[in-house]
């Protein structure tokens, strides 16, 4: 079986549907989570021209879902930052608590992305050895 955009969007919908509704996101998972699925597929090396029809191997399922989860949480976290807490009569909505919850989800997903070898926070680094032995000094003539 191969993994499609629909599978990834359905996974995100199962994790974030209530939070998506809180920010007024489209209830169709393929539309509401489009940017997040696209970002995950791009991070996995899918060319922009192939995003609409992209399929992944089963071995990439965990990475695809984790990356998409990170991008969805980041987008929702940012959009919840625009909201203010409000109380009207006996009803109240506390966006600050929702935002803190999404931040925890985003941090967890970022950690799992890093463990899978995909840095999403820009804090990744690597060490290597650069061999310059092939550069020979040029003899100078005076």
Protein backbone atom coordinates (compact mmCIF):
# COMPACT_ATOMS: atom_id res chain seq x y z
CA UNK A 1 0.00 0.00 0.00
CA UNK A 2 1.17 3.52 -0.69
CA UNK A 3 0.57 6.61 1.38
CA UNK A 4 -1.38 9.42 -0.30
CA UNK A 5 -2.30 13.02 0.51
CA UNK A 6 -5.69 11.76 1.64
CA UNK A 7 -4.14 9.41 4.20
CA UNK A 8 -1.99 12.18 5.66
CA UNK A 9 -4.90 14.66 5.72
CA UNK A 10 -7.15 12.09 7.42
CA UNK A 11 -4.48 11.51 10.07
CA UNK A 12 -4.19 15.26 10.71
CA UNK A 13 -7.97 15.55 10.90
CA UNK A 14 -8.05 12.84 13.56
CA UNK A 15 -5.49 14.77 15.62
CA UNK A 16 -6.48 18.40 15.03
CA UNK A 17 -10.14 18.61 13.95
CA UNK A 18 -11.31 20.40 17.12
CA UNK A 19 -8.40 22.82 17.07
CA UNK A 20 -8.93 23.42 13.36
CA UNK A 21 -12.55 24.29 14.07
CA UNK A 22 -11.42 26.74 16.77
CA UNK A 23 -9.48 28.75 14.17
CA UNK A 24 -12.21 28.53 11.53
CA UNK A 25 -10.39 26.06 9.29
CA UNK A 26 -12.22 24.39 6.38
CA UNK A 27 -13.73 21.13 7.64
CA UNK A 28 -12.64 19.17 4.54
CA UNK A 29 -9.28 17.64 5.59
CA UNK A 30 -7.82 17.82 2.07
CA UNK A 31 -8.53 21.56 1.97
CA UNK A 32 -8.00 22.47 5.62
CA UNK A 33 -4.65 20.70 5.98
CA UNK A 34 -3.39 21.28 2.41
CA UNK A 35 -0.47 23.53 3.36
CA UNK A 36 0.65 21.19 6.12
CA UNK A 37 0.56 18.12 3.87
CA UNK A 38 2.40 20.05 1.14
CA UNK A 39 5.12 21.15 3.57
CA UNK A 40 5.60 17.59 4.83
CA UNK A 41 5.82 16.19 1.30
CA UNK A 42 8.31 18.89 0.27
CA UNK A 43 10.46 18.07 3.32
CA UNK A 44 10.42 14.43 2.19
CA UNK A 45 11.78 15.45 -1.22
CA UNK A 46 8.64 15.55 -3.37
CA UNK A 47 8.94 18.11 -6.17
CA UNK A 48 6.48 20.99 -6.08
CA UNK A 49 5.07 19.96 -9.47
CA UNK A 50 4.24 16.49 -8.10
CA UNK A 51 2.55 17.52 -4.84
CA UNK A 52 -1.02 17.02 -6.06
CA UNK A 53 -0.46 13.39 -7.06
CA UNK A 54 2.35 12.43 -4.70
CA UNK A 55 2.42 9.00 -3.11
CA UNK A 56 4.90 7.70 -0.57
CA UNK A 57 6.10 4.26 0.38
CA UNK A 58 4.87 2.68 3.60
CA UNK A 59 8.35 3.08 5.07
CA UNK A 60 7.87 6.88 4.99
CA UNK A 61 4.54 6.85 6.82
CA UNK A 62 5.89 7.77 10.25
CA UNK A 63 8.04 10.57 8.88
CA UNK A 64 5.23 11.95 6.71
CA UNK A 65 2.69 11.95 9.52
CA UNK A 66 5.13 13.40 12.05
CA UNK A 67 6.24 16.19 9.71
CA UNK A 68 2.65 17.00 8.79
CA UNK A 69 1.72 17.00 12.47
CA UNK A 70 4.48 19.49 13.21
CA UNK A 71 3.46 21.82 10.37
CA UNK A 72 -0.24 21.63 11.33
CA UNK A 73 0.51 22.33 14.99
CA UNK A 74 2.77 25.25 14.06
CA UNK A 75 0.11 26.80 11.81
CA UNK A 76 -2.66 26.36 14.39
CA UNK A 77 -0.40 27.66 17.18
CA UNK A 78 0.33 30.81 15.18
CA UNK A 79 -3.33 31.39 14.35
CA UNK A 80 -4.42 30.87 17.95
CA UNK A 81 -2.01 33.67 18.85
CA UNK A 82 -4.32 36.09 17.03
CA UNK A 83 -7.28 35.17 19.22
CA UNK A 84 -8.16 36.74 22.53
CA UNK A 85 -9.89 35.06 25.44
CA UNK A 86 -13.51 36.04 25.78
CA UNK A 87 -16.42 35.58 28.12
CA UNK A 88 -20.01 36.18 27.19
CA UNK A 89 -22.63 35.47 29.78
CA UNK A 90 -21.90 32.03 31.20
CA UNK A 91 -19.78 30.94 28.24
CA UNK A 92 -16.07 31.55 27.88
CA UNK A 93 -13.35 30.57 25.47
CA UNK A 94 -9.74 30.46 26.63
CA UNK A 95 -7.48 30.54 23.58
CA UNK A 96 -4.38 30.86 25.77
CA UNK A 97 -4.87 27.35 27.15
CA UNK A 98 -5.49 25.97 23.67
CA UNK A 99 -2.37 27.68 22.39
CA UNK A 100 -0.27 26.21 25.22
CA UNK A 101 -1.65 22.75 24.44
CA UNK A 102 -0.82 23.14 20.73
CA UNK A 103 2.68 24.39 21.63
CA UNK A 104 3.24 21.17 23.58
CA UNK A 105 2.05 19.14 20.58
CA UNK A 106 4.29 21.15 18.25
CA UNK A 107 7.36 20.68 20.46
CA UNK A 108 6.68 16.95 20.73
CA UNK A 109 6.34 16.64 16.95
CA UNK A 110 9.55 18.66 16.43
CA UNK A 111 11.42 16.29 18.74
CA UNK A 112 10.10 13.26 16.88
CA UNK A 113 10.98 14.87 13.52
CA UNK A 114 14.53 15.40 14.76
CA UNK A 115 14.73 11.79 15.94
CA UNK A 116 13.67 10.68 12.46
CA UNK A 117 16.40 12.82 10.88
CA UNK A 118 14.30 15.81 9.78
CA UNK A 119 15.22 19.09 11.45
CA UNK A 120 12.25 21.46 11.39
CA UNK A 121 13.44 23.97 13.97
CA UNK A 122 16.57 25.18 12.20
CA UNK A 123 18.70 24.05 15.12
CA UNK A 124 20.18 21.04 13.36
CA UNK A 125 23.91 20.85 12.87
CA UNK A 126 26.39 18.32 11.69
CA UNK A 127 30.10 17.83 11.81
CA UNK A 128 32.27 16.59 9.04
CA UNK A 129 35.77 16.42 7.72
CA UNK A 130 36.81 18.51 4.75
CA UNK A 131 39.81 17.07 2.99
CA UNK A 132 41.77 19.70 1.10
CA UNK A 133 44.73 17.46 0.26
CA UNK A 134 43.86 17.57 -3.42
CA UNK A 135 44.73 21.27 -3.56
CA UNK A 136 48.34 21.51 -4.60
CA UNK A 137 50.31 24.68 -4.14
CA UNK A 138 51.28 26.33 -7.41
CA UNK A 139 54.97 26.88 -7.89
CA UNK A 140 55.76 30.52 -8.29
CA UNK A 141 58.34 31.79 -10.68
CA UNK A 142 60.19 34.93 -9.86
